[in-house]
Protein backbone atom coordinates (compact mmCIF):
# COMPACT_ATOMS: atom_id res chain seq x y z
CA MET A 1 73.52 165.87 58.78
CA SER A 2 69.50 165.46 58.72
CA LEU A 3 67.42 166.85 56.24
CA ASN A 4 66.00 169.60 58.48
CA ASP A 5 69.72 171.10 59.10
CA GLU A 6 70.98 171.09 56.14
CA LEU A 7 67.80 172.83 54.98
CA THR A 8 68.59 174.98 57.72
CA ALA A 9 71.96 175.76 56.76
CA VAL A 10 70.58 176.24 53.33
CA GLN A 11 68.77 178.80 54.72
CA ARG A 12 70.77 180.70 56.80
CA CYS A 13 73.34 181.06 53.66
CA LEU A 14 70.18 182.34 51.62
CA ASP A 15 69.79 184.79 54.57
CA ASP A 16 73.38 185.52 53.90
CA LEU A 17 73.19 185.95 50.61
CA VAL A 18 70.07 188.48 50.69
CA ARG A 19 71.87 191.00 53.09
CA SER A 20 74.49 190.86 50.48
CA VAL A 21 72.76 191.35 47.52
CA VAL A 22 70.99 194.69 49.03
CA ARG A 23 74.29 196.11 50.15
CA LEU A 24 75.85 195.51 47.06
CA GLU A 25 72.59 196.96 45.98
CA GLN A 26 72.88 199.46 47.74
CA ARG A 27 76.11 200.10 46.08
CA VAL A 28 75.31 199.92 42.69
CA GLY A 29 71.62 201.19 42.42
CA SER A 30 68.62 199.79 42.59
CA GLY A 31 67.75 200.67 38.40
CA ASP A 32 70.36 198.41 36.89
CA LEU A 33 69.28 195.41 35.39
CA GLU A 34 71.88 192.78 36.17
CA ILE A 35 71.15 193.75 40.10
CA ARG A 36 67.74 193.20 40.02
CA ARG A 37 68.08 189.69 38.19
CA VAL A 38 70.61 189.10 40.97
CA ARG A 39 68.08 190.08 43.50
CA THR A 40 65.47 188.43 42.05
CA ASP A 41 67.09 185.16 41.03
CA ALA A 42 67.99 185.12 45.45
CA ASP A 43 64.60 186.03 45.74
CA HIS A 44 63.72 182.68 43.67
CA LEU A 45 65.83 180.61 45.91
CA ARG A 46 64.30 181.81 48.96
CA GLU A 47 61.32 180.25 47.24
CA SER A 48 62.24 177.47 46.35
CA VAL A 49 63.63 176.22 49.86
CA ALA A 50 60.98 177.17 51.34
CA LEU A 51 58.77 174.76 48.97
CA LEU A 52 61.09 171.70 50.04
CA ARG A 53 60.82 172.67 53.48
CA GLU A 54 57.23 172.47 53.22
CA SER A 55 57.05 169.42 50.58
CA ALA A 56 59.96 167.50 52.90
CA PRO A 57 58.95 164.09 54.78
CA PRO A 58 58.17 164.65 58.44
CA GLU A 59 61.63 163.51 60.21
CA ARG A 60 61.29 160.22 62.03
CA PRO A 61 62.48 160.07 65.65
CA LYS A 62 65.84 157.77 65.98
CA PRO A 63 64.85 154.59 67.58
CA VAL A 64 65.97 153.71 71.38
CA MET A 65 68.90 151.38 71.69
CA VAL A 66 67.85 149.09 74.17
CA PRO A 67 70.42 147.46 75.83
CA ILE A 68 70.65 144.08 76.11
CA PRO A 69 72.75 141.97 79.04
CA ASP A 70 75.61 139.87 78.06
CA ALA A 71 74.61 137.60 80.81
CA PRO A 72 73.48 134.04 79.65
CA TYR A 73 69.62 133.89 79.83
CA ASP A 74 67.90 132.13 82.64
CA SER A 75 67.39 128.65 81.09
CA SER A 76 64.15 128.31 83.08
CA LEU A 77 62.65 130.38 80.79
CA TRP A 78 62.76 127.92 78.27
CA ALA A 79 62.08 124.81 80.64
CA ASP A 80 59.30 123.80 78.48
CA ALA A 81 59.76 125.30 75.34
CA GLU A 82 60.82 122.61 72.30
CA ASP A 83 64.15 123.44 70.42
CA GLU A 84 63.07 125.23 67.23
CA GLY A 85 63.26 123.24 64.11
CA LEU A 86 65.01 120.32 66.27
CA GLY A 87 61.78 118.60 67.78
CA ALA A 88 61.01 117.78 71.46
CA ARG A 89 64.13 117.01 73.85
CA ASP A 90 63.31 113.77 74.04
CA ARG A 91 63.20 112.80 70.74
CA GLY A 92 66.64 112.79 68.16
CA ALA A 93 66.74 115.73 65.29
CA PRO A 94 65.46 114.62 62.33
């Protein structure tokens, strides 16, 4: 999972949490200190995730896979090339 996917999943969970806190607040009442703390904590979590999303590095595109054929290369491509590190064809290796 990418970082963006993870942050989106966290955001979805926090949205569910906030909805649940609102429903709980309606049942318990908004004047209770504990429910206000829970609501405030949930709001702080949402703000923190938003800041984390803003500071996250941009995602790099996935590299494109280049297929390499199994067939041997055309040897005429290297007809006049030397074998690297071994010297010329007509001379022996050091």
